[in-house]
PDB file of N, CA and C in Angstrom:
ATOM      1  N   MET A   1       0.764 -11.803 -25.766  1.00  0.00           N
ATOM      2  CA  MET A   1       1.126 -11.115 -24.490  1.00  0.00           C
ATOM      3  C   MET A   1       0.012 -10.572 -24.231  1.00  0.00           C
ATOM      4  N   ARG A   2      -0.366 -11.727 -22.463  1.00  0.00           N
ATOM      5  CA  ARG A   2      -1.502 -11.183 -22.155  1.00  0.00           C
ATOM      6  C   ARG A   2      -1.279  -9.649 -21.164  1.00  0.00           C
ATOM      7  N   GLY A   3      -2.974  -9.418 -21.122  1.00  0.00           N
ATOM      8  CA  GLY A   3      -2.780  -8.251 -19.393  1.00  0.00           C
ATOM      9  C   GLY A   3      -2.050  -7.005 -20.107  1.00  0.00           C
ATOM     10  N   GLY A   4      -0.753  -6.916 -20.669  1.00  0.00           N
ATOM     11  CA  GLY A   4      -0.849  -5.806 -21.411  1.00  0.00           C
ATOM     12  C   GLY A   4       0.869  -5.280 -20.509  1.00  0.00           C
ATOM     13  N   GLY A   5       1.307  -4.695 -20.366  1.00  0.00           N
ATOM     14  CA  GLY A   5       2.735  -4.434 -19.599  1.00  0.00           C
ATOM     15  C   GLY A   5       2.577  -5.211 -18.716  1.00  0.00           C
ATOM     16  N   TRP A   6       4.244  -5.098 -17.445  1.00  0.00           N
ATOM     17  CA  TRP A   6       4.572  -5.714 -16.643  1.00  0.00           C
ATOM     18  C   TRP A   6       4.173  -5.501 -15.344  1.00  0.00           C
ATOM     19  N   ARG A   7       3.892  -5.826 -14.174  1.00  0.00           N
ATOM     20  CA  ARG A   7       3.391  -4.603 -13.112  1.00  0.00           C
ATOM     21  C   ARG A   7       4.879  -4.099 -12.386  1.00  0.00           C
ATOM     22  N   ASP A   8       4.123  -3.414 -11.820  1.00  0.00           N
ATOM     23  CA  ASP A   8       5.944  -2.119 -11.101  1.00  0.00           C
ATOM     24  C   ASP A   8       6.401  -2.872 -10.272  1.00  0.00           C
ATOM     25  N   HIS A   9       7.808  -3.323 -11.091  1.00  0.00           N
ATOM     26  CA  HIS A   9       8.660  -4.155 -10.121  1.00  0.00           C
ATOM     27  C   HIS A   9       8.617  -3.733  -8.245  1.00  0.00           C
ATOM     28  N   ARG A  10       8.825  -2.736  -8.402  1.00  0.00           N
ATOM     29  CA  ARG A  10       8.707  -2.375  -6.598  1.00  0.00           C
ATOM     30  C   ARG A  10       7.346  -2.490  -5.921  1.00  0.00           C
ATOM     31  N   GLN A  11       6.330  -2.383  -6.701  1.00  0.00           N
ATOM     32  CA  GLN A  11       5.414  -3.204  -5.990  1.00  0.00           C
ATOM     33  C   GLN A  11       5.352  -4.275  -6.039  1.00  0.00           C
ATOM     34  N   VAL A  12       5.842  -5.205  -6.694  1.00  0.00           N
ATOM     35  CA  VAL A  12       6.343  -6.902  -6.827  1.00  0.00           C
ATOM     36  C   VAL A  12       7.127  -7.013  -5.192  1.00  0.00           C
ATOM     37  N   ILE A  13       8.473  -6.414  -5.244  1.00  0.00           N
ATOM     38  CA  ILE A  13       9.010  -6.741  -4.626  1.00  0.00           C
ATOM     39  C   ILE A  13       8.363  -6.437  -3.069  1.00  0.00           C
ATOM     40  N   GLY A  14       7.790  -5.147  -3.358  1.00  0.00           N
ATOM     41  CA  GLY A  14       6.799  -5.134  -1.967  1.00  0.00           C
ATOM     42  C   GLY A  14       6.723  -6.762  -1.551  1.00  0.00           C
ATOM     43  N   GLY A  15       6.098  -7.378  -2.050  1.00  0.00           N
ATOM     44  CA  GLY A  15       4.595  -8.104  -2.018  1.00  0.00           C
ATOM     45  C   GLY A  15       5.806  -8.813  -1.941  1.00  0.00           C
ATOM     46  N   ILE A  16       6.415  -9.320  -2.487  1.00  0.00           N
ATOM     47  CA  ILE A  16       7.365 -11.099  -2.615  1.00  0.00           C
ATOM     48  C   ILE A  16       8.554 -10.966  -0.615  1.00  0.00           C
ATOM     49  N   LEU A  17       8.707  -9.243  -0.478  1.00  0.00           N
ATOM     50  CA  LEU A  17       8.929  -9.477   0.880  1.00  0.00           C
ATOM     51  C   LEU A  17       8.670  -9.948   2.008  1.00  0.00           C
ATOM     52  N   TRP A  18       6.731  -9.559   1.595  1.00  0.00           N
ATOM     53  CA  TRP A  18       5.887  -9.086   2.459  1.00  0.00           C
ATOM     54  C   TRP A  18       5.783 -10.848   3.216  1.00  0.00           C
ATOM     55  N   LYS A  19       5.783 -11.573   1.925  1.00  0.00           N
ATOM     56  CA  LYS A  19       5.367 -12.642   1.916  1.00  0.00           C
ATOM     57  C   LYS A  19       6.775 -13.729   2.559  1.00  0.00           C
ATOM     58  N   LEU A  20       7.492 -13.408   2.331  1.00  0.00           N
ATOM     59  CA  LEU A  20       8.849 -14.008   3.105  1.00  0.00           C
ATOM     60  C   LEU A  20       8.784 -13.447   5.081  1.00  0.00           C
ATOM     61  N   ARG A  21       8.897 -12.228   4.604  1.00  0.00           N
ATOM     62  CA  ARG A  21       8.867 -12.273   6.311  1.00  0.00           C
ATOM     63  C   ARG A  21       7.584 -12.221   6.732  1.00  0.00           C
ATOM     64  N   THR A  22       6.999 -13.586   6.234  1.00  0.00           N
ATOM     65  CA  THR A  22       5.211 -12.828   7.236  1.00  0.00           C
ATOM     66  C   THR A  22       5.457 -14.703   7.014  1.00  0.00           C
ATOM     67  N   GLY A  23       5.737 -15.151   6.505  1.00  0.00           N
ATOM     68  CA  GLY A  23       5.178 -16.902   5.639  1.00  0.00           C
ATOM     69  C   GLY A  23       3.964 -17.566   5.411  1.00  0.00           C
ATOM     70  N   ALA A  24       3.197 -16.048   5.268  1.00  0.00           N
ATOM     71  CA  ALA A  24       2.089 -16.762   5.657  1.00  0.00           C
ATOM     72  C   ALA A  24       1.518 -16.914   3.630  1.00  0.00           C
ATOM     73  N   PRO A  25       0.515 -17.797   2.888  1.00  0.00           N
ATOM     74  CA  PRO A  25       0.441 -18.636   1.888  1.00  0.00           C
ATOM     75  C   PRO A  25       0.779 -17.813   0.636  1.00  0.00           C
ATOM     76  N   TRP A  26       1.143 -17.907  -0.217  1.00  0.00           N
ATOM     77  CA  TRP A  26       0.851 -16.400  -1.646  1.00  0.00           C
ATOM     78  C   TRP A  26      -0.074 -16.327  -1.626  1.00  0.00           C
ATOM     79  N   ARG A  27      -1.469 -17.231  -1.612  1.00  0.00           N
ATOM     80  CA  ARG A  27      -2.439 -16.319  -1.750  1.00  0.00           C
ATOM     81  C   ARG A  27      -3.355 -15.504  -0.365  1.00  0.00           C
ATOM     82  N   ASP A  28      -2.823 -15.205   0.337  1.00  0.00           N
ATOM     83  CA  ASP A  28      -2.830 -14.592   1.754  1.00  0.00           C
ATOM     84  C   ASP A  28      -2.043 -13.341   1.243  1.00  0.00           C
ATOM     85  N   LEU A  29      -1.760 -12.406   0.379  1.00  0.00           N
ATOM     86  CA  LEU A  29      -0.949 -11.637  -0.266  1.00  0.00           C
ATOM     87  C   LEU A  29      -2.192 -11.130  -0.294  1.00  0.00           C
ATOM     88  N   PRO A  30      -1.794  -9.427   0.544  1.00  0.00           N
ATOM     89  CA  PRO A  30      -2.718  -8.380   0.047  1.00  0.00           C
ATOM     90  C   PRO A  30      -2.398  -7.663  -1.237  1.00  0.00           C
ATOM     91  N   GLU A  31      -4.041  -7.466  -1.478  1.00  0.00           N
ATOM     92  CA  GLU A  31      -4.074  -6.533  -2.834  1.00  0.00           C
ATOM     93  C   GLU A  31      -3.410  -5.604  -3.040  1.00  0.00           C
ATOM     94  N   ARG A  32      -2.422  -5.012  -1.824  1.00  0.00           N
ATOM     95  CA  ARG A  32      -1.536  -3.833  -2.861  1.00  0.00           C
ATOM     96  C   ARG A  32      -0.673  -3.604  -3.318  1.00  0.00           C
ATOM     97  N   PHE A  33      -0.294  -5.873  -2.886  1.00  0.00           N
ATOM     98  CA  PHE A  33       0.893  -5.892  -3.856  1.00  0.00           C
ATOM     99  C   PHE A  33       0.570  -6.588  -4.997  1.00  0.00           C
ATOM    100  N   GLY A  34      -0.946  -6.261  -5.332  1.00  0.00           N
ATOM    101  CA  GLY A  34      -0.764  -7.051  -6.473  1.00  0.00           C
ATOM    102  C   GLY A  34      -1.444  -7.935  -7.023  1.00  0.00           C
ATOM    103  N   PRO A  35      -1.939  -8.824  -7.841  1.00  0.00           N
ATOM    104  CA  PRO A  35      -2.205 -10.639  -7.839  1.00  0.00           C
ATOM    105  C   PRO A  35      -1.017 -11.543  -6.993  1.00  0.00           C
ATOM    106  N   TRP A  36      -1.240 -12.040  -6.422  1.00  0.00           N
ATOM    107  CA  TRP A  36      -0.176 -13.362  -5.802  1.00  0.00           C
ATOM    108  C   TRP A  36       0.355 -13.711  -6.873  1.00  0.00           C
ATOM    109  N   LYS A  37      -0.057 -14.370  -7.671  1.00  0.00           N
ATOM    110  CA  LYS A  37       0.367 -15.394  -8.833  1.00  0.00           C
ATOM    111  C   LYS A  37       1.514 -14.684  -9.611  1.00  0.00           C
ATOM    112  N   THR A  38       1.265 -13.061  -9.526  1.00  0.00           N
ATOM    113  CA  THR A  38       1.897 -12.794 -10.709  1.00  0.00           C
ATOM    114  C   THR A  38       3.834 -11.897 -10.086  1.00  0.00           C
ATOM    115  N   CYS A  39       3.587 -12.216  -8.170  1.00  0.00           N
ATOM    116  CA  CYS A  39       4.513 -12.180  -7.126  1.00  0.00           C
ATOM    117  C   CYS A  39       5.236 -13.229  -7.326  1.00  0.00           C
ATOM    118  N   HIS A  40       4.405 -14.228  -6.894  1.00  0.00           N
ATOM    119  CA  HIS A  40       4.755 -15.852  -6.905  1.00  0.00           C
ATOM    120  C   HIS A  40       6.306 -16.374  -8.165  1.00  0.00           C
ATOM    121  N   GLU A  41       5.479 -15.598  -9.584  1.00  0.00           N
ATOM    122  CA  GLU A  41       6.244 -16.110 -11.164  1.00  0.00           C
ATOM    123  C   GLU A  41       7.033 -15.439 -11.148  1.00  0.00           C
ATOM    124  N   ARG A  42       6.557 -13.917 -10.791  1.00  0.00           N
ATOM    125  CA  ARG A  42       8.005 -13.453 -11.215  1.00  0.00           C
ATOM    126  C   ARG A  42       9.308 -13.634  -9.969  1.00  0.00           C
ATOM    127  N   LEU A  43       8.823 -14.240  -9.177  1.00  0.00           N
ATOM    128  CA  LEU A  43      10.179 -14.824  -8.314  1.00  0.00           C
ATOM    129  C   LEU A  43      10.577 -15.742  -8.504  1.00  0.00           C
ATOM    130  N   ARG A  44       9.971 -16.530  -8.952  1.00  0.00           N
ATOM    131  CA  ARG A  44      10.446 -18.179  -9.335  1.00  0.00           C
ATOM    132  C   ARG A  44      10.993 -17.818 -10.287  1.00  0.00           C
ATOM    133  N   ARG A  45      10.648 -16.348 -11.696  1.00  0.00           N
ATOM    134  CA  ARG A  45      11.649 -16.555 -12.252  1.00  0.00           C
ATOM    135  C   ARG A  45      13.653 -15.588 -12.301  1.00  0.00           C
ATOM    136  N   TRP A  46      13.161 -14.977 -11.215  1.00  0.00           N
ATOM    137  CA  TRP A  46      14.379 -13.792 -10.743  1.00  0.00           C
ATOM    138  C   TRP A  46      15.087 -15.492 -10.479  1.00  0.00           C
ATOM    139  N   THR A  47      14.723 -16.179  -9.255  1.00  0.00           N
ATOM    140  CA  THR A  47      15.193 -16.991  -8.632  1.00  0.00           C
ATOM    141  C   THR A  47      16.214 -17.735  -9.583  1.00  0.00           C
ATOM    142  N   ALA A  48      15.462 -17.846 -11.046  1.00  0.00           N
ATOM    143  CA  ALA A  48      16.063 -19.364 -11.692  1.00  0.00           C
ATOM    144  C   ALA A  48      16.802 -18.439 -12.820  1.00  0.00           C
ATOM    145  N   ASP A  49      17.146 -16.897 -13.011  1.00  0.00           N
ATOM    146  CA  ASP A  49      18.297 -16.482 -13.985  1.00  0.00           C
ATOM    147  C   ASP A  49      19.261 -15.792 -13.407  1.00  0.00           C
ATOM    148  N   GLY A  50      19.231 -16.044 -11.256  1.00  0.00           N
ATOM    149  CA  GLY A  50      20.161 -15.070 -10.338  1.00  0.00           C
ATOM    150  C   GLY A  50      19.782 -13.767 -10.310  1.00  0.00           C
ATOM    151  N   THR A  51      18.521 -13.367 -10.548  1.00  0.00           N
ATOM    152  CA  THR A  51      18.441 -11.594 -10.625  1.00  0.00           C
ATOM    153  C   THR A  51      17.440 -11.601  -9.013  1.00  0.00           C
ATOM    154  N   TRP A  52      17.458 -12.327  -8.114  1.00  0.00           N
ATOM    155  CA  TRP A  52      17.014 -12.402  -6.744  1.00  0.00           C
ATOM    156  C   TRP A  52      18.116 -12.193  -6.442  1.00  0.00           C
ATOM    157  N   ASP A  53      19.160 -12.447  -6.446  1.00  0.00           N
ATOM    158  CA  ASP A  53      20.513 -12.614  -5.859  1.00  0.00           C
ATOM    159  C   ASP A  53      21.113 -11.250  -6.122  1.00  0.00           C
ATOM    160  N   ARG A  54      20.938 -10.795  -7.299  1.00  0.00           N
ATOM    161  CA  ARG A  54      21.960  -9.378  -7.351  1.00  0.00           C
ATOM    162  C   ARG A  54      21.071  -8.246  -6.799  1.00  0.00           C
ATOM    163  N   ILE A  55      19.752  -9.131  -7.015  1.00  0.00           N
ATOM    164  CA  ILE A  55      18.669  -8.115  -5.861  1.00  0.00           C
ATOM    165  C   ILE A  55      19.275  -7.581  -4.789  1.00  0.00           C
ATOM    166  N   LEU A  56      19.420  -9.427  -4.099  1.00  0.00           N
ATOM    167  CA  LEU A  56      19.597  -9.477  -2.528  1.00  0.00           C
ATOM    168  C   LEU A  56      21.703  -8.351  -2.396  1.00  0.00           C
ATOM    169  N   ALA A  57      21.843  -8.843  -3.032  1.00  0.00           N
ATOM    170  CA  ALA A  57      23.361  -8.214  -3.050  1.00  0.00           C
ATOM    171  C   ALA A  57      23.358  -7.237  -3.357  1.00  0.00           C
ATOM    172  N   THR A  58      22.577  -6.048  -3.782  1.00  0.00           N
ATOM    173  CA  THR A  58      22.675  -4.318  -4.483  1.00  0.00           C
ATOM    174  C   THR A  58      21.781  -4.137  -2.580  1.00  0.00           C
ATOM    175  N   ALA A  59      20.866  -4.574  -2.132  1.00  0.00           N
ATOM    176  CA  ALA A  59      20.220  -4.463  -0.960  1.00  0.00           C
ATOM    177  C   ALA A  59      20.851  -5.097   0.353  1.00  0.00           C
ATOM    178  N   GLN A  60      21.490  -5.439   0.489  1.00  0.00           N
ATOM    179  CA  GLN A  60      22.272  -5.880   1.621  1.00  0.00           C
ATOM    180  C   GLN A  60      23.603  -4.961   1.660  1.00  0.00           C
ATOM    181  N   VAL A  61      22.805  -4.626   3.395  1.00  0.00           N
ATOM    182  CA  VAL A  61      23.688  -3.362   3.824  1.00  0.00           C
ATOM    183  C   VAL A  61      25.323  -3.741   4.177  1.00  0.00           C
ATOM    184  N   HIS A  62      26.776  -2.511   3.887  1.00  0.00           N
ATOM    185  CA  HIS A  62      27.999  -2.953   4.229  1.00  0.00           C
ATOM    186  C   HIS A  62      28.179  -2.675   5.268  1.00  0.00           C
ATOM    187  N   ASP A  63      29.731  -3.181   5.840  1.00  0.00           N
ATOM    188  CA  ASP A  63      29.732  -2.170   6.851  1.00  0.00           C
ATOM    189  C   ASP A  63      31.505  -2.312   6.717  1.00  0.00           C
ATOM    190  N   ASP A  64      32.095  -0.954   6.652  1.00  0.00           N
ATOM    191  CA  ASP A  64      33.148  -0.937   6.459  1.00  0.00           C
ATOM    192  C   ASP A  64      33.544  -1.184   4.944  1.00  0.00           C
ATOM    193  N   GLY A  65      32.549  -1.250   4.381  1.00  0.00           N
ATOM    194  CA  GLY A  65      33.111  -2.610   2.280  1.00  0.00           C
ATOM    195  C   GLY A  65      33.359  -3.846   3.332  1.00  0.00           C
ATOM    196  N   THR A  66      32.598  -4.532   4.252  1.00  0.00           N
ATOM    197  CA  THR A  66      32.614  -5.948   4.418  1.00  0.00           C
ATOM    198  C   THR A  66      30.990  -6.290   4.068  1.00  0.00           C
ATOM    199  N   PRO A  67      30.192  -6.873   2.791  1.00  0.00           N
ATOM    200  CA  PRO A  67      29.089  -7.413   3.181  1.00  0.00           C
ATOM    201  C   PRO A  67      28.935  -7.827   4.672  1.00  0.00           C
ATOM    202  N   VAL A  68      27.323  -7.012   4.894  1.00  0.00           N
ATOM    203  CA  VAL A  68      27.431  -7.613   6.583  1.00  0.00           C
ATOM    204  C   VAL A  68      26.136  -9.743   6.582  1.00  0.00           C
ATOM    205  N   GLN A  69      26.842 -10.178   7.235  1.00  0.00           N
ATOM    206  CA  GLN A  69      26.026 -12.159   6.456  1.00  0.00           C
ATOM    207  C   GLN A  69      24.806 -12.127   7.872  1.00  0.00           C
ATOM    208  N   TRP A  70      23.207 -12.694   7.102  1.00  0.00           N
ATOM    209  CA  TRP A  70      22.366 -12.526   7.419  1.00  0.00           C
ATOM    210  C   TRP A  70      22.509 -13.858   7.634  1.00  0.00           C
ATOM    211  N   THR A  71      21.626 -13.695   9.039  1.00  0.00           N
ATOM    212  CA  THR A  71      21.469 -15.588  10.554  1.00  0.00           C
ATOM    213  C   THR A  71      19.883 -15.489  10.051  1.00  0.00           C
ATOM    214  N   ILE A  72      19.513 -16.712   9.208  1.00  0.00           N
ATOM    215  CA  ILE A  72      18.628 -16.554  10.020  1.00  0.00           C
ATOM    216  C   ILE A  72      18.115 -17.423  10.986  1.00  0.00           C
ATOM    217  N   SER A  73      17.063 -17.727  12.328  1.00  0.00           N
ATOM    218  CA  SER A  73      17.058 -17.997  12.569  1.00  0.00           C
ATOM    219  C   SER A  73      16.063 -18.718  13.715  1.00  0.00           C
ATOM    220  N   ILE A  74      14.657 -20.187  13.275  1.00  0.00           N
ATOM    221  CA  ILE A  74      13.911 -20.298  13.704  1.00  0.00           C
ATOM    222  C   ILE A  74      13.393 -20.630  15.110  1.00  0.00           C
ATOM    223  N   ASP A  75      12.942 -20.276  15.488  1.00  0.00           N
ATOM    224  CA  ASP A  75      12.165 -20.318  17.083  1.00  0.00           C
ATOM    225  C   ASP A  75      11.347 -21.619  16.416  1.00  0.00           C
ATOM    226  N   SER A  76      11.207 -22.626  18.058  1.00  0.00           N
ATOM    227  CA  SER A  76      10.030 -22.947  18.123  1.00  0.00           C
ATOM    228  C   SER A  76       8.802 -22.847  17.967  1.00  0.00           C
ATOM    229  N   SER A  77       8.922 -21.806  18.447  1.00  0.00           N
ATOM    230  CA  SER A  77       7.754 -21.104  19.472  1.00  0.00           C
ATOM    231  C   SER A  77       6.726 -20.508  18.481  1.00  0.00           C
ATOM    232  N   ILE A  78       7.398 -19.926  17.240  1.00  0.00           N
ATOM    233  CA  ILE A  78       6.835 -19.354  15.589  1.00  0.00           C
ATOM    234  C   ILE A  78       6.325 -20.945  14.439  1.00  0.00           C
ATOM    235  N   VAL A  79       7.205 -22.271  15.394  1.00  0.00           N
ATOM    236  CA  VAL A  79       6.786 -23.315  14.699  1.00  0.00           C
ATOM    237  C   VAL A  79       5.679 -23.863  15.089  1.00  0.00           C
ATOM    238  N   ARG A  80       4.262 -24.034  14.619  1.00  0.00           N
ATOM    239  CA  ARG A  80       2.858 -24.934  14.788  1.00  0.00           C
ATOM    240  C   ARG A  80       3.338 -26.128  14.352  1.00  0.00           C
ATOM    241  N   ALA A  81       2.753 -26.641  15.203  1.00  0.00           N
ATOM    242  CA  ALA A  81       3.029 -28.049  15.477  1.00  0.00           C
ATOM    243  C   ALA A  81       1.182 -28.826  15.234  1.00  0.00           C
ATOM    244  N   HIS A  82       1.082 -30.285  14.276  1.00  0.00           N
ATOM    245  CA  HIS A  82      -0.167 -30.666  14.149  1.00  0.00           C
ATOM    246  C   HIS A  82      -0.814 -30.681  14.931  1.00  0.00           C
ATOM    247  N   GLN A  83      -2.353 -30.372  15.545  1.00  0.00           N
ATOM    248  CA  GLN A  83      -2.802 -30.816  16.385  1.00  0.00           C
ATOM    249  C   GLN A  83      -2.729 -32.571  17.034  1.00  0.00           C
ATOM    250  N   HIS A  84      -2.232 -33.354  15.966  1.00  0.00           N
ATOM    251  CA  HIS A  84      -2.279 -34.814  16.893  1.00  0.00           C
ATOM    252  C   HIS A  84      -1.348 -34.373  17.496  1.00  0.00           C
ATOM    253  N   ALA A  85      -0.060 -33.670  16.660  1.00  0.00           N
ATOM    254  CA  ALA A  85       1.598 -33.962  17.133  1.00  0.00           C
ATOM    255  C   ALA A  85       0.766 -33.379  18.830  1.00  0.00           C
ATOM    256  N   ALA A  86       0.006 -32.781  19.446  1.00  0.00           N
ATOM    257  CA  ALA A  86      -0.067 -32.676  20.840  1.00  0.00           C
ATOM    258  C   ALA A  86      -0.898 -33.256  21.588  1.00  0.00           C
ATOM    259  N   GLY A  87      -1.217 -33.871  21.240  1.00  0.00           N
ATOM    260  CA  GLY A  87      -1.824 -35.287  21.884  1.00  0.00           C
ATOM    261  C   GLY A  87      -3.456 -35.544  21.785  1.00  0.00           C
ATOM    262  N   ALA A  88      -4.080 -34.245  21.119  1.00  0.00           N
ATOM    263  CA  ALA A  88      -5.501 -34.364  21.248  1.00  0.00           C
ATOM    264  C   ALA A  88      -6.392 -35.609  20.706  1.00  0.00           C
ATOM    265  N   GLY A  89      -7.741 -36.591  21.149  1.00  0.00           N
ATOM    266  CA  GLY A  89      -8.224 -37.298  20.303  1.00  0.00           C
ATOM    267  C   GLY A  89      -8.329 -36.869  18.902  1.00  0.00           C
ATOM    268  N   LYS A  90      -8.474 -38.394  18.682  1.00  0.00           N
ATOM    269  CA  LYS A  90      -9.815 -37.881  17.120  1.00  0.00           C
ATOM    270  C   LYS A  90     -10.938 -37.502  18.155  1.00  0.00           C
ATOM    271  N   LYS A  91     -11.445 -37.338  16.329  1.00  0.00           N
ATOM    272  CA  LYS A  91     -12.823 -36.847  16.704  1.00  0.00           C
ATOM    273  C   LYS A  91     -13.755 -38.687  16.143  1.00  0.00           C
ATOM    274  N   GLY A  92     -14.769 -38.840  17.209  1.00  0.00           N
ATOM    275  CA  GLY A  92     -15.799 -39.778  17.018  1.00  0.00           C
ATOM    276  C   GLY A  92     -15.182 -41.515  18.021  1.00  0.00           C
ATOM    277  N   VAL A  93     -13.548 -41.145  18.523  1.00  0.00           N
ATOM    278  CA  VAL A  93     -12.874 -42.734  19.477  1.00  0.00           C
ATOM    279  C   VAL A  93     -13.249 -41.484  20.860  1.00  0.00           C
ATOM    280  N   PRO A  94     -14.473 -42.753  21.175  1.00  0.00           N
ATOM    281  CA  PRO A  94     -14.611 -43.299  22.425  1.00  0.00           C
ATOM    282  C   PRO A  94     -13.315 -42.206  23.294  1.00  0.00           C
ATOM    283  N   ARG A  95     -13.282 -42.169  24.344  1.00  0.00           N
ATOM    284  CA  ARG A  95     -12.248 -41.270  24.963  1.00  0.00           C
ATOM    285  C   ARG A  95     -10.885 -42.661  26.201  1.00  0.00           C
ATOM    286  N   GLN A  96     -12.501 -44.254  26.189  1.00  0.00           N
ATOM    287  CA  GLN A  96     -11.880 -45.259  26.901  1.00  0.00           C
ATOM    288  C   GLN A  96     -10.848 -45.746  26.133  1.00  0.00           C
ATOM    289  N   VAL A  97     -12.082 -46.218  24.539  1.00  0.00           N
ATOM    290  CA  VAL A  97     -10.867 -47.306  23.266  1.00  0.00           C
ATOM    291  C   VAL A  97      -9.330 -46.113  23.361  1.00  0.00           C
ATOM    292  N   ARG A  98      -9.454 -44.714  23.622  1.00  0.00           N
ATOM    293  CA  ARG A  98      -7.542 -44.328  22.949  1.00  0.00           C
ATOM    294  C   ARG A  98      -7.217 -44.896  24.287  1.00  0.00           C
ATOM    295  N   ARG A  99      -7.037 -44.947  25.476  1.00  0.00           N
ATOM    296  CA  ARG A  99      -6.647 -45.514  26.246  1.00  0.00           C
ATOM    297  C   ARG A  99      -6.292 -46.771  26.263  1.00  0.00           C
ATOM    298  N   ARG A 100      -7.369 -47.804  25.575  1.00  0.00           N
ATOM    299  CA  ARG A 100      -7.006 -49.122  25.665  1.00  0.00           C
ATOM    300  C   ARG A 100      -6.357 -49.492  24.454  1.00  0.00           C
ATOM    301  N   LEU A 101      -6.473 -48.610  23.568  1.00  0.00           N
ATOM    302  CA  LEU A 101      -5.634 -48.515  22.444  1.00  0.00           C
ATOM    303  C   LEU A 101      -3.793 -47.754  22.657  1.00  0.00           C
ATOM    304  N   ILE A 102      -4.308 -46.643  23.742  1.00  0.00           N
ATOM    305  CA  ILE A 102      -2.433 -46.739  24.427  1.00  0.00           C
ATOM    306  C   ILE A 102      -1.386 -47.455  24.821  1.00  0.00           C
ATOM    307  N   ARG A 103      -2.120 -48.130  26.192  1.00  0.00           N
ATOM    308  CA  ARG A 103      -2.177 -49.195  26.898  1.00  0.00           C
ATOM    309  C   ARG A 103      -1.620 -49.692  25.890  1.00  0.00           C
ATOM    310  N   ARG A 104      -2.110 -50.592  25.032  1.00  0.00           N
ATOM    311  CA  ARG A 104      -2.241 -51.735  23.894  1.00  0.00           C
ATOM    312  C   ARG A 104      -0.735 -51.308  23.660  1.00  0.00           C
ATOM    313  N   MET A 105      -0.576 -50.134  22.652  1.00  0.00           N
ATOM    314  CA  MET A 105       0.538 -49.980  21.723  1.00  0.00           C
ATOM    315  C   MET A 105       1.655 -49.162  23.271  1.00  0.00           C
ATOM    316  N   ALA A 106       1.607 -49.427  24.088  1.00  0.00           N
ATOM    317  CA  ALA A 106       2.683 -49.829  25.378  1.00  0.00           C
ATOM    318  C   ALA A 106       3.525 -50.491  25.398  1.00  0.00           C
ATOM    319  N   ARG A 107       2.292 -51.450  25.500  1.00  0.00           N
ATOM    320  CA  ARG A 107       2.032 -52.823  26.000  1.00  0.00           C
ATOM    321  C   ARG A 107       3.449 -54.107  24.921  1.00  0.00           C
ATOM    322  N   PRO A 108       4.697 -53.931  25.184  1.00  0.00           N
ATOM    323  CA  PRO A 108       5.497 -54.656  24.825  1.00  0.00           C
ATOM    324  C   PRO A 108       4.996 -56.072  24.023  1.00  0.00           C
ATOM    325  N   SER A 109       4.409 -56.543  23.205  1.00  0.00           N
ATOM    326  CA  SER A 109       4.008 -57.825  22.583  1.00  0.00           C
ATOM    327  C   SER A 109       4.748 -57.927  21.794  1.00  0.00           C
ATOM    328  N   ALA A 110       5.253 -60.098  21.890  1.00  0.00           N
ATOM    329  CA  ALA A 110       5.960 -60.590  20.835  1.00  0.00           C
ATOM    330  C   ALA A 110       5.429 -61.081  19.326  1.00  0.00           C
ATOM    331  N   ASP A 111       3.975 -60.874  19.360  1.00  0.00           N
ATOM    332  CA  ASP A 111       3.375 -61.633  18.498  1.00  0.00           C
ATOM    333  C   ASP A 111       2.385 -60.227  18.710  1.00  0.00           C
ATOM    334  N   PRO A 112       1.990 -59.253  17.542  1.00  0.00           N
ATOM    335  CA  PRO A 112       1.322 -58.027  17.633  1.00  0.00           C
ATOM    336  C   PRO A 112       0.267 -58.350  16.839  1.00  0.00           C
ATOM    337  N   ALA A 113      -0.151 -59.768  16.888  1.00  0.00           N
ATOM    338  CA  ALA A 113      -1.754 -60.454  16.032  1.00  0.00           C
ATOM    339  C   ALA A 113      -2.284 -60.760  17.158  1.00  0.00           C
ATOM    340  N   ALA A 114      -2.129 -60.997  18.586  1.00  0.00           N
ATOM    341  CA  ALA A 114      -2.012 -61.491  19.709  1.00  0.00           C
ATOM    342  C   ALA A 114      -3.344 -60.412  20.284  1.00  0.00           C
ATOM    343  N   ASP A 115      -3.161 -59.352  20.302  1.00  0.00           N
ATOM    344  CA  ASP A 115      -3.819 -58.530  20.840  1.00  0.00           C
ATOM    345  C   ASP A 115      -5.629 -58.815  19.760  1.00  0.00           C
TER     346      ASP A 115
END
């Protein structure tokens, strides 16, 4: 076994929760949680063997003895679109050429090779 013993579970769970809460890439995990590969691999293993589901079930808040259901909502204001989805022009293509291409694509044509 390389590197000795296991990293502290509490530290790893903190790193996993940080990643899930922020949505940041694993490689951006702060150093205080240890190596990102450790947290990623532990989540992968725990998900595969059902441990992660048991951790979440234990941590889940209960209201009058009934587990509270978690609902996740994604708001479009936090979903980033690619720059081309916003209508940004391509580098190196003059504006007049772009306009001509846009007009040509918008014009109905029976034979596309005629353009």
